[in-house]
Amino acid sequence: MSSQLNFETLKYFMECYFHVGTNSEELENIVITFKSAESQNSIKKLVDEINSIRASDNWSLFQKIVKKHGQRRLNSQRLKNMTEIIVRNLSNDV
């Protein structure tokens, strides 16, 4: 993955889909909504950005993005679970 990632798609996902007004238990449905509403390019970008975070094991970066753009405070285990759900539900088409 490129070190130039700015995580714009992840920020967009947090602000528009997984924001403070949504329930964490709804994440799978939220991802399915994102998948049906967004372009293949956006889906691939989100998966790539999340995989970049997972590969670098940089959970503090992800935590900052989630806090700033999703208005949520999640511990690293919940963040890892979140990435697994997102990637699992989006990867079969990318």
PDB file of N, CA and C in Angstrom:
ATOM      1  N   MET A   1       0.827  -1.181   0.000  1.00  0.00           N
ATOM      2  CA  MET A   1       0.000   0.000   0.000  1.00  0.00           C
ATOM      3  C   MET A   1       0.876   1.250   0.000  1.00  0.00           C
ATOM      4  N   SER A   2       0.370   2.264  -0.580  1.00  0.00           N
ATOM      5  CA  SER A   2       1.104   3.516  -0.684  1.00  0.00           C
ATOM      6  C   SER A   2       1.174   4.221   0.666  1.00  0.00           C
ATOM      7  N   SER A   3       2.334   4.802   0.922  1.00  0.00           N
ATOM      8  CA  SER A   3       2.462   5.569   2.159  1.00  0.00           C
ATOM      9  C   SER A   3       1.758   6.921   2.020  1.00  0.00           C
ATOM     10  N   GLN A   4       1.246   7.221   0.826  1.00  0.00           N
ATOM     11  CA  GLN A   4       0.577   8.483   0.558  1.00  0.00           C
ATOM     12  C   GLN A   4      -0.931   8.431   0.815  1.00  0.00           C
ATOM     13  N   LEU A   5      -1.428   7.350   1.384  1.00  0.00           N
ATOM     14  CA  LEU A   5      -2.861   7.253   1.649  1.00  0.00           C
ATOM     15  C   LEU A   5      -3.302   8.371   2.587  1.00  0.00           C
ATOM     16  N   ASN A   6      -4.392   9.021   2.226  1.00  0.00           N
ATOM     17  CA  ASN A   6      -4.919  10.074   3.096  1.00  0.00           C
ATOM     18  C   ASN A   6      -6.201   9.633   3.803  1.00  0.00           C
ATOM     19  N   PHE A   7      -6.634   8.405   3.515  1.00  0.00           N
ATOM     20  CA  PHE A   7      -7.785   7.797   4.178  1.00  0.00           C
ATOM     21  C   PHE A   7      -9.072   8.591   3.971  1.00  0.00           C
ATOM     22  N   GLU A   8      -9.182   9.263   2.826  1.00  0.00           N
ATOM     23  CA  GLU A   8     -10.372  10.057   2.537  1.00  0.00           C
ATOM     24  C   GLU A   8     -11.638   9.203   2.466  1.00  0.00           C
ATOM     25  N   THR A   9     -11.539   8.003   1.900  1.00  0.00           N
ATOM     26  CA  THR A   9     -12.724   7.152   1.794  1.00  0.00           C
ATOM     27  C   THR A   9     -13.148   6.653   3.169  1.00  0.00           C
ATOM     28  N   LEU A  10     -12.181   6.318   4.005  1.00  0.00           N
ATOM     29  CA  LEU A  10     -12.488   5.896   5.372  1.00  0.00           C
ATOM     30  C   LEU A  10     -13.139   7.042   6.150  1.00  0.00           C
ATOM     31  N   LYS A  11     -12.607   8.237   5.998  1.00  0.00           N
ATOM     32  CA  LYS A  11     -13.190   9.409   6.663  1.00  0.00           C
ATOM     33  C   LYS A  11     -14.627   9.629   6.176  1.00  0.00           C
ATOM     34  N   TYR A  12     -14.813   9.511   4.870  1.00  0.00           N
ATOM     35  CA  TYR A  12     -16.150   9.655   4.279  1.00  0.00           C
ATOM     36  C   TYR A  12     -17.103   8.598   4.841  1.00  0.00           C
ATOM     37  N   PHE A  13     -16.650   7.353   4.919  1.00  0.00           N
ATOM     38  CA  PHE A  13     -17.472   6.273   5.474  1.00  0.00           C
ATOM     39  C   PHE A  13     -17.885   6.603   6.909  1.00  0.00           C
ATOM     40  N   MET A  14     -16.935   7.094   7.700  1.00  0.00           N
ATOM     41  CA  MET A  14     -17.226   7.435   9.097  1.00  0.00           C
ATOM     42  C   MET A  14     -18.227   8.581   9.197  1.00  0.00           C
ATOM     43  N   GLU A  15     -18.052   9.603   8.388  1.00  0.00           N
ATOM     44  CA  GLU A  15     -18.909  10.784   8.476  1.00  0.00           C
ATOM     45  C   GLU A  15     -20.315  10.534   7.930  1.00  0.00           C
ATOM     46  N   CYS A  16     -20.411   9.776   6.860  1.00  0.00           N
ATOM     47  CA  CYS A  16     -21.700   9.626   6.165  1.00  0.00           C
ATOM     48  C   CYS A  16     -22.456   8.349   6.509  1.00  0.00           C
ATOM     49  N   TYR A  17     -21.755   7.322   6.940  1.00  0.00           N
ATOM     50  CA  TYR A  17     -22.413   6.033   7.180  1.00  0.00           C
ATOM     51  C   TYR A  17     -22.341   5.582   8.640  1.00  0.00           C
ATOM     52  N   PHE A  18     -21.160   5.648   9.245  1.00  0.00           N
ATOM     53  CA  PHE A  18     -20.966   5.105  10.596  1.00  0.00           C
ATOM     54  C   PHE A  18     -20.732   6.236  11.594  1.00  0.00           C
ATOM     55  N   HIS A  19     -21.569   7.241  11.531  1.00  0.00           N
ATOM     56  CA  HIS A  19     -21.436   8.422  12.377  1.00  0.00           C
ATOM     57  C   HIS A  19     -22.066   8.177  13.749  1.00  0.00           C
ATOM     58  N   VAL A  20     -21.989   9.176  14.588  1.00  0.00           N
ATOM     59  CA  VAL A  20     -22.448   9.059  15.976  1.00  0.00           C
ATOM     60  C   VAL A  20     -23.938   8.713  16.076  1.00  0.00           C
ATOM     61  N   GLY A  21     -24.715   9.019  15.069  1.00  0.00           N
ATOM     62  CA  GLY A  21     -26.142   8.726  15.100  1.00  0.00           C
ATOM     63  C   GLY A  21     -26.497   7.280  14.806  1.00  0.00           C
ATOM     64  N   THR A  22     -25.505   6.464  14.503  1.00  0.00           N
ATOM     65  CA  THR A  22     -25.767   5.055  14.204  1.00  0.00           C
ATOM     66  C   THR A  22     -25.285   4.172  15.344  1.00  0.00           C
ATOM     67  N   ASN A  23     -25.838   2.997  15.418  1.00  0.00           N
ATOM     68  CA  ASN A  23     -25.523   2.036  16.465  1.00  0.00           C
ATOM     69  C   ASN A  23     -24.436   1.079  15.975  1.00  0.00           C
ATOM     70  N   SER A  24     -23.444   0.801  16.804  1.00  0.00           N
ATOM     71  CA  SER A  24     -22.347  -0.101  16.419  1.00  0.00           C
ATOM     72  C   SER A  24     -22.840  -1.482  16.020  1.00  0.00           C
ATOM     73  N   GLU A  25     -23.926  -1.926  16.631  1.00  0.00           N
ATOM     74  CA  GLU A  25     -24.453  -3.250  16.313  1.00  0.00           C
ATOM     75  C   GLU A  25     -25.004  -3.309  14.885  1.00  0.00           C
ATOM     76  N   GLU A  26     -25.212  -2.158  14.288  1.00  0.00           N
ATOM     77  CA  GLU A  26     -25.736  -2.082  12.930  1.00  0.00           C
ATOM     78  C   GLU A  26     -24.634  -2.064  11.873  1.00  0.00           C
ATOM     79  N   LEU A  27     -23.388  -2.231  12.265  1.00  0.00           N
ATOM     80  CA  LEU A  27     -22.267  -2.054  11.344  1.00  0.00           C
ATOM     81  C   LEU A  27     -22.403  -2.897  10.082  1.00  0.00           C
ATOM     82  N   GLU A  28     -22.765  -4.151  10.225  1.00  0.00           N
ATOM     83  CA  GLU A  28     -22.876  -5.011   9.048  1.00  0.00           C
ATOM     84  C   GLU A  28     -23.901  -4.444   8.055  1.00  0.00           C
ATOM     85  N   ASN A  29     -25.041  -4.012   8.545  1.00  0.00           N
ATOM     86  CA  ASN A  29     -26.055  -3.409   7.669  1.00  0.00           C
ATOM     87  C   ASN A  29     -25.572  -2.095   7.065  1.00  0.00           C
ATOM     88  N   ILE A  30     -24.810  -1.335   7.834  1.00  0.00           N
ATOM     89  CA  ILE A  30     -24.253  -0.076   7.342  1.00  0.00           C
ATOM     90  C   ILE A  30     -23.286  -0.352   6.194  1.00  0.00           C
ATOM     91  N   VAL A  31     -22.464  -1.373   6.348  1.00  0.00           N
ATOM     92  CA  VAL A  31     -21.509  -1.740   5.297  1.00  0.00           C
ATOM     93  C   VAL A  31     -22.257  -2.194   4.044  1.00  0.00           C
ATOM     94  N   ILE A  32     -23.316  -2.951   4.216  1.00  0.00           N
ATOM     95  CA  ILE A  32     -24.119  -3.407   3.076  1.00  0.00           C
ATOM     96  C   ILE A  32     -24.746  -2.199   2.364  1.00  0.00           C
ATOM     97  N   THR A  33     -25.202  -1.217   3.120  1.00  0.00           N
ATOM     98  CA  THR A  33     -25.746   0.008   2.527  1.00  0.00           C
ATOM     99  C   THR A  33     -24.669   0.747   1.743  1.00  0.00           C
ATOM    100  N   PHE A  34     -23.481   0.876   2.322  1.00  0.00           N
ATOM    101  CA  PHE A  34     -22.354   1.515   1.636  1.00  0.00           C
ATOM    102  C   PHE A  34     -22.062   0.785   0.329  1.00  0.00           C
ATOM    103  N   LYS A  35     -22.025  -0.522   0.400  1.00  0.00           N
ATOM    104  CA  LYS A  35     -21.710  -1.354  -0.763  1.00  0.00           C
ATOM    105  C   LYS A  35     -22.734  -1.159  -1.883  1.00  0.00           C
ATOM    106  N   SER A  36     -23.995  -1.033  -1.534  1.00  0.00           N
ATOM    107  CA  SER A  36     -25.027  -0.885  -2.569  1.00  0.00           C
ATOM    108  C   SER A  36     -25.101   0.541  -3.115  1.00  0.00           C
ATOM    109  N   ALA A  37     -24.661   1.522  -2.335  1.00  0.00           N
ATOM    110  CA  ALA A  37     -24.789   2.922  -2.745  1.00  0.00           C
ATOM    111  C   ALA A  37     -23.549   3.488  -3.438  1.00  0.00           C
ATOM    112  N   GLU A  38     -22.397   2.905  -3.174  1.00  0.00           N
ATOM    113  CA  GLU A  38     -21.144   3.486  -3.657  1.00  0.00           C
ATOM    114  C   GLU A  38     -20.585   2.733  -4.862  1.00  0.00           C
ATOM    115  N   SER A  39     -19.678   3.393  -5.562  1.00  0.00           N
ATOM    116  CA  SER A  39     -19.049   2.803  -6.749  1.00  0.00           C
ATOM    117  C   SER A  39     -18.046   1.721  -6.350  1.00  0.00           C
ATOM    118  N   GLN A  40     -17.738   0.855  -7.288  1.00  0.00           N
ATOM    119  CA  GLN A  40     -16.716  -0.175  -7.059  1.00  0.00           C
ATOM    120  C   GLN A  40     -15.391   0.473  -6.680  1.00  0.00           C
ATOM    121  N   ASN A  41     -15.095   1.616  -7.271  1.00  0.00           N
ATOM    122  CA  ASN A  41     -13.855   2.323  -6.966  1.00  0.00           C
ATOM    123  C   ASN A  41     -13.818   2.753  -5.499  1.00  0.00           C
ATOM    124  N   SER A  42     -14.915   3.288  -4.998  1.00  0.00           N
ATOM    125  CA  SER A  42     -14.981   3.701  -3.587  1.00  0.00           C
ATOM    126  C   SER A  42     -14.882   2.505  -2.648  1.00  0.00           C
ATOM    127  N   ILE A  43     -15.525   1.415  -3.024  1.00  0.00           N
ATOM    128  CA  ILE A  43     -15.462   0.196  -2.213  1.00  0.00           C
ATOM    129  C   ILE A  43     -14.029  -0.305  -2.137  1.00  0.00           C
ATOM    130  N   LYS A  44     -13.355  -0.350  -3.285  1.00  0.00           N
ATOM    131  CA  LYS A  44     -11.963  -0.811  -3.321  1.00  0.00           C
ATOM    132  C   LYS A  44     -11.065   0.110  -2.495  1.00  0.00           C
ATOM    133  N   LYS A  45     -11.275   1.420  -2.610  1.00  0.00           N
ATOM    134  CA  LYS A  45     -10.469   2.371  -1.833  1.00  0.00           C
ATOM    135  C   LYS A  45     -10.647   2.145  -0.333  1.00  0.00           C
ATOM    136  N   LEU A  46     -11.883   1.949   0.102  1.00  0.00           N
ATOM    137  CA  LEU A  46     -12.123   1.725   1.531  1.00  0.00           C
ATOM    138  C   LEU A  46     -11.427   0.452   2.002  1.00  0.00           C
ATOM    139  N   VAL A  47     -11.550  -0.615   1.241  1.00  0.00           N
ATOM    140  CA  VAL A  47     -10.884  -1.875   1.601  1.00  0.00           C
ATOM    141  C   VAL A  47      -9.369  -1.676   1.629  1.00  0.00           C
ATOM    142  N   ASP A  48      -8.823  -0.993   0.632  1.00  0.00           N
ATOM    143  CA  ASP A  48      -7.376  -0.749   0.587  1.00  0.00           C
ATOM    144  C   ASP A  48      -6.908   0.079   1.781  1.00  0.00           C
ATOM    145  N   GLU A  49      -7.662   1.104   2.127  1.00  0.00           N
ATOM    146  CA  GLU A  49      -7.290   1.947   3.262  1.00  0.00           C
ATOM    147  C   GLU A  49      -7.320   1.158   4.572  1.00  0.00           C
ATOM    148  N   ILE A  50      -8.339   0.367   4.757  1.00  0.00           N
ATOM    149  CA  ILE A  50      -8.434  -0.445   5.974  1.00  0.00           C
ATOM    150  C   ILE A  50      -7.334  -1.496   6.004  1.00  0.00           C
ATOM    151  N   ASN A  51      -7.081  -2.137   4.877  1.00  0.00           N
ATOM    152  CA  ASN A  51      -6.006  -3.132   4.830  1.00  0.00           C
ATOM    153  C   ASN A  51      -4.645  -2.505   5.099  1.00  0.00           C
ATOM    154  N   SER A  52      -4.469  -1.267   4.690  1.00  0.00           N
ATOM    155  CA  SER A  52      -3.226  -0.550   4.974  1.00  0.00           C
ATOM    156  C   SER A  52      -3.046  -0.360   6.481  1.00  0.00           C
ATOM    157  N   ILE A  53      -4.103   0.018   7.157  1.00  0.00           N
ATOM    158  CA  ILE A  53      -4.049   0.188   8.616  1.00  0.00           C
ATOM    159  C   ILE A  53      -3.776  -1.155   9.283  1.00  0.00           C
ATOM    160  N   ARG A  54      -4.467  -2.182   8.836  1.00  0.00           N
ATOM    161  CA  ARG A  54      -4.272  -3.518   9.420  1.00  0.00           C
ATOM    162  C   ARG A  54      -2.838  -3.999   9.214  1.00  0.00           C
ATOM    163  N   ALA A  55      -2.301  -3.795   8.016  1.00  0.00           N
ATOM    164  CA  ALA A  55      -0.941  -4.254   7.713  1.00  0.00           C
ATOM    165  C   ALA A  55       0.105  -3.505   8.535  1.00  0.00           C
ATOM    166  N   SER A  56      -0.142  -2.226   8.765  1.00  0.00           N
ATOM    167  CA  SER A  56       0.821  -1.428   9.534  1.00  0.00           C
ATOM    168  C   SER A  56       0.611  -1.575  11.036  1.00  0.00           C
ATOM    169  N   ASP A  57      -0.513  -2.200  11.427  1.00  0.00           N
ATOM    170  CA  ASP A  57      -0.858  -2.374  12.839  1.00  0.00           C
ATOM    171  C   ASP A  57      -0.930  -1.019  13.552  1.00  0.00           C
ATOM    172  N   ASN A  58      -1.364   0.005  12.806  1.00  0.00           N
ATOM    173  CA  ASN A  58      -1.420   1.366  13.333  1.00  0.00           C
ATOM    174  C   ASN A  58      -2.829   1.683  13.842  1.00  0.00           C
ATOM    175  N   TRP A  59      -3.170   1.076  14.958  1.00  0.00           N
ATOM    176  CA  TRP A  59      -4.520   1.234  15.504  1.00  0.00           C
ATOM    177  C   TRP A  59      -4.738   2.616  16.086  1.00  0.00           C
ATOM    178  N   SER A  60      -3.675   3.288  16.494  1.00  0.00           N
ATOM    179  CA  SER A  60      -3.850   4.648  17.023  1.00  0.00           C
ATOM    180  C   SER A  60      -4.274   5.607  15.910  1.00  0.00           C
ATOM    181  N   LEU A  61      -3.755   5.414  14.699  1.00  0.00           N
ATOM    182  CA  LEU A  61      -4.188   6.232  13.561  1.00  0.00           C
ATOM    183  C   LEU A  61      -5.670   5.989  13.282  1.00  0.00           C
ATOM    184  N   PHE A  62      -6.057   4.724  13.246  1.00  0.00           N
ATOM    185  CA  PHE A  62      -7.453   4.380  12.988  1.00  0.00           C
ATOM    186  C   PHE A  62      -8.348   4.943  14.090  1.00  0.00           C
ATOM    187  N   GLN A  63      -7.881   4.848  15.322  1.00  0.00           N
ATOM    188  CA  GLN A  63      -8.637   5.364  16.462  1.00  0.00           C
ATOM    189  C   GLN A  63      -8.870   6.875  16.319  1.00  0.00           C
ATOM    190  N   LYS A  64      -7.849   7.601  15.855  1.00  0.00           N
ATOM    191  CA  LYS A  64      -7.980   9.050  15.651  1.00  0.00           C
ATOM    192  C   LYS A  64      -8.997   9.363  14.555  1.00  0.00           C
ATOM    193  N   ILE A  65      -8.955   8.594  13.468  1.00  0.00           N
ATOM    194  CA  ILE A  65      -9.899   8.803  12.367  1.00  0.00           C
ATOM    195  C   ILE A  65     -11.325   8.539  12.846  1.00  0.00           C
ATOM    196  N   VAL A  66     -11.518   7.441  13.567  1.00  0.00           N
ATOM    197  CA  VAL A  66     -12.849   7.085  14.065  1.00  0.00           C
ATOM    198  C   VAL A  66     -13.351   8.139  15.050  1.00  0.00           C
ATOM    199  N   LYS A  67     -12.471   8.618  15.901  1.00  0.00           N
ATOM    200  CA  LYS A  67     -12.868   9.629  16.890  1.00  0.00           C
ATOM    201  C   LYS A  67     -13.229  10.953  16.213  1.00  0.00           C
ATOM    202  N   LYS A  68     -12.395  11.395  15.282  1.00  0.00           N
ATOM    203  CA  LYS A  68     -12.619  12.691  14.638  1.00  0.00           C
ATOM    204  C   LYS A  68     -13.784  12.658  13.650  1.00  0.00           C
ATOM    205  N   HIS A  69     -13.856  11.622  12.835  1.00  0.00           N
ATOM    206  CA  HIS A  69     -14.829  11.604  11.742  1.00  0.00           C
ATOM    207  C   HIS A  69     -16.085  10.788  12.048  1.00  0.00           C
ATOM    208  N   GLY A  70     -16.018   9.924  13.057  1.00  0.00           N
ATOM    209  CA  GLY A  70     -17.188   9.130  13.425  1.00  0.00           C
ATOM    210  C   GLY A  70     -17.721   9.456  14.802  1.00  0.00           C
ATOM    211  N   GLN A  71     -17.007  10.348  15.506  1.00  0.00           N
ATOM    212  CA  GLN A  71     -17.415  10.772  16.846  1.00  0.00           C
ATOM    213  C   GLN A  71     -17.585   9.591  17.798  1.00  0.00           C
ATOM    214  N   ARG A  72     -16.649   8.624  17.689  1.00  0.00           N
ATOM    215  CA  ARG A  72     -16.710   7.430  18.547  1.00  0.00           C
ATOM    216  C   ARG A  72     -15.346   7.175  19.167  1.00  0.00           C
ATOM    217  N   ARG A  73     -15.376   6.636  20.368  1.00  0.00           N
ATOM    218  CA  ARG A  73     -14.146   6.201  21.037  1.00  0.00           C
ATOM    219  C   ARG A  73     -14.216   4.688  21.158  1.00  0.00           C
ATOM    220  N   LEU A  74     -13.350   4.016  20.410  1.00  0.00           N
ATOM    221  CA  LEU A  74     -13.328   2.553  20.429  1.00  0.00           C
ATOM    222  C   LEU A  74     -11.939   2.076  20.806  1.00  0.00           C
ATOM    223  N   ASN A  75     -11.873   1.002  21.604  1.00  0.00           N
ATOM    224  CA  ASN A  75     -10.569   0.443  21.940  1.00  0.00           C
ATOM    225  C   ASN A  75     -10.043  -0.356  20.750  1.00  0.00           C
ATOM    226  N   SER A  76      -8.780  -0.743  20.811  1.00  0.00           N
ATOM    227  CA  SER A  76      -8.166  -1.398  19.650  1.00  0.00           C
ATOM    228  C   SER A  76      -8.829  -2.720  19.290  1.00  0.00           C
ATOM    229  N   GLN A  77      -9.346  -3.463  20.255  1.00  0.00           N
ATOM    230  CA  GLN A  77     -10.024  -4.717  19.918  1.00  0.00           C
ATOM    231  C   GLN A  77     -11.311  -4.452  19.143  1.00  0.00           C
ATOM    232  N   ARG A  78     -12.060  -3.463  19.566  1.00  0.00           N
ATOM    233  CA  ARG A  78     -13.293  -3.113  18.825  1.00  0.00           C
ATOM    234  C   ARG A  78     -12.962  -2.583  17.434  1.00  0.00           C
ATOM    235  N   LEU A  79     -11.852  -1.845  17.324  1.00  0.00           N
ATOM    236  CA  LEU A  79     -11.421  -1.357  16.008  1.00  0.00           C
ATOM    237  C   LEU A  79     -11.054  -2.526  15.096  1.00  0.00           C
ATOM    238  N   LYS A  80     -10.346  -3.504  15.646  1.00  0.00           N
ATOM    239  CA  LYS A  80      -9.978  -4.688  14.855  1.00  0.00           C
ATOM    240  C   LYS A  80     -11.223  -5.438  14.406  1.00  0.00           C
ATOM    241  N   ASN A  81     -12.168  -5.613  15.307  1.00  0.00           N
ATOM    242  CA  ASN A  81     -13.426  -6.280  14.955  1.00  0.00           C
ATOM    243  C   ASN A  81     -14.155  -5.510  13.858  1.00  0.00           C
ATOM    244  N   MET A  82     -14.144  -4.206  13.973  1.00  0.00           N
ATOM    245  CA  MET A  82     -14.795  -3.355  12.990  1.00  0.00           C
ATOM    246  C   MET A  82     -14.172  -3.542  11.609  1.00  0.00           C
ATOM    247  N   THR A  83     -12.842  -3.553  11.547  1.00  0.00           N
ATOM    248  CA  THR A  83     -12.180  -3.725  10.248  1.00  0.00           C
ATOM    249  C   THR A  83     -12.491  -5.087   9.653  1.00  0.00           C
ATOM    250  N   GLU A  84     -12.562  -6.107  10.495  1.00  0.00           N
ATOM    251  CA  GLU A  84     -12.887  -7.452   9.996  1.00  0.00           C
ATOM    252  C   GLU A  84     -14.280  -7.479   9.373  1.00  0.00           C
ATOM    253  N   ILE A  85     -15.230  -6.852  10.025  1.00  0.00           N
ATOM    254  CA  ILE A  85     -16.602  -6.814   9.508  1.00  0.00           C
ATOM    255  C   ILE A  85     -16.655  -6.053   8.183  1.00  0.00           C
ATOM    256  N   ILE A  86     -16.002  -4.910   8.133  1.00  0.00           N
ATOM    257  CA  ILE A  86     -16.023  -4.105   6.909  1.00  0.00           C
ATOM    258  C   ILE A  86     -15.372  -4.855   5.756  1.00  0.00           C
ATOM    259  N   VAL A  87     -14.169  -5.359   5.977  1.00  0.00           N
ATOM    260  CA  VAL A  87     -13.447  -6.039   4.894  1.00  0.00           C
ATOM    261  C   VAL A  87     -14.179  -7.305   4.462  1.00  0.00           C
ATOM    262  N   ARG A  88     -14.675  -8.073   5.404  1.00  0.00           N
ATOM    263  CA  ARG A  88     -15.393  -9.307   5.068  1.00  0.00           C
ATOM    264  C   ARG A  88     -16.607  -9.018   4.183  1.00  0.00           C
ATOM    265  N   ASN A  89     -17.325  -7.961   4.488  1.00  0.00           N
ATOM    266  CA  ASN A  89     -18.539  -7.642   3.735  1.00  0.00           C
ATOM    267  C   ASN A  89     -18.285  -6.927   2.414  1.00  0.00           C
ATOM    268  N   LEU A  90     -17.109  -6.362   2.243  1.00  0.00           N
ATOM    269  CA  LEU A  90     -16.812  -5.653   0.999  1.00  0.00           C
ATOM    270  C   LEU A  90     -15.872  -6.403   0.067  1.00  0.00           C
ATOM    271  N   SER A  91     -15.042  -7.272   0.602  1.00  0.00           N
ATOM    272  CA  SER A  91     -13.978  -7.889  -0.199  1.00  0.00           C
ATOM    273  C   SER A  91     -14.456  -8.848  -1.268  1.00  0.00           C
ATOM    274  N   ASN A  92     -15.590  -9.454  -1.103  1.00  0.00           N
ATOM    275  CA  ASN A  92     -16.014 -10.443  -2.082  1.00  0.00           C
ATOM    276  C   ASN A  92     -16.292  -9.841  -3.454  1.00  0.00           C
ATOM    277  N   ASP A  93     -16.399  -8.522  -3.548  1.00  0.00           N
ATOM    278  CA  ASP A  93     -16.654  -7.883  -4.839  1.00  0.00           C
ATOM    279  C   ASP A  93     -15.478  -7.082  -5.373  1.00  0.00           C
ATOM    280  N   VAL A  94     -14.395  -6.973  -4.623  1.00  0.00           N
ATOM    281  CA  VAL A  94     -13.270  -6.148  -5.070  1.00  0.00           C
ATOM    282  C   VAL A  94     -12.178  -6.972  -5.658  1.00  0.00           C
TER     283      VAL A  94
END
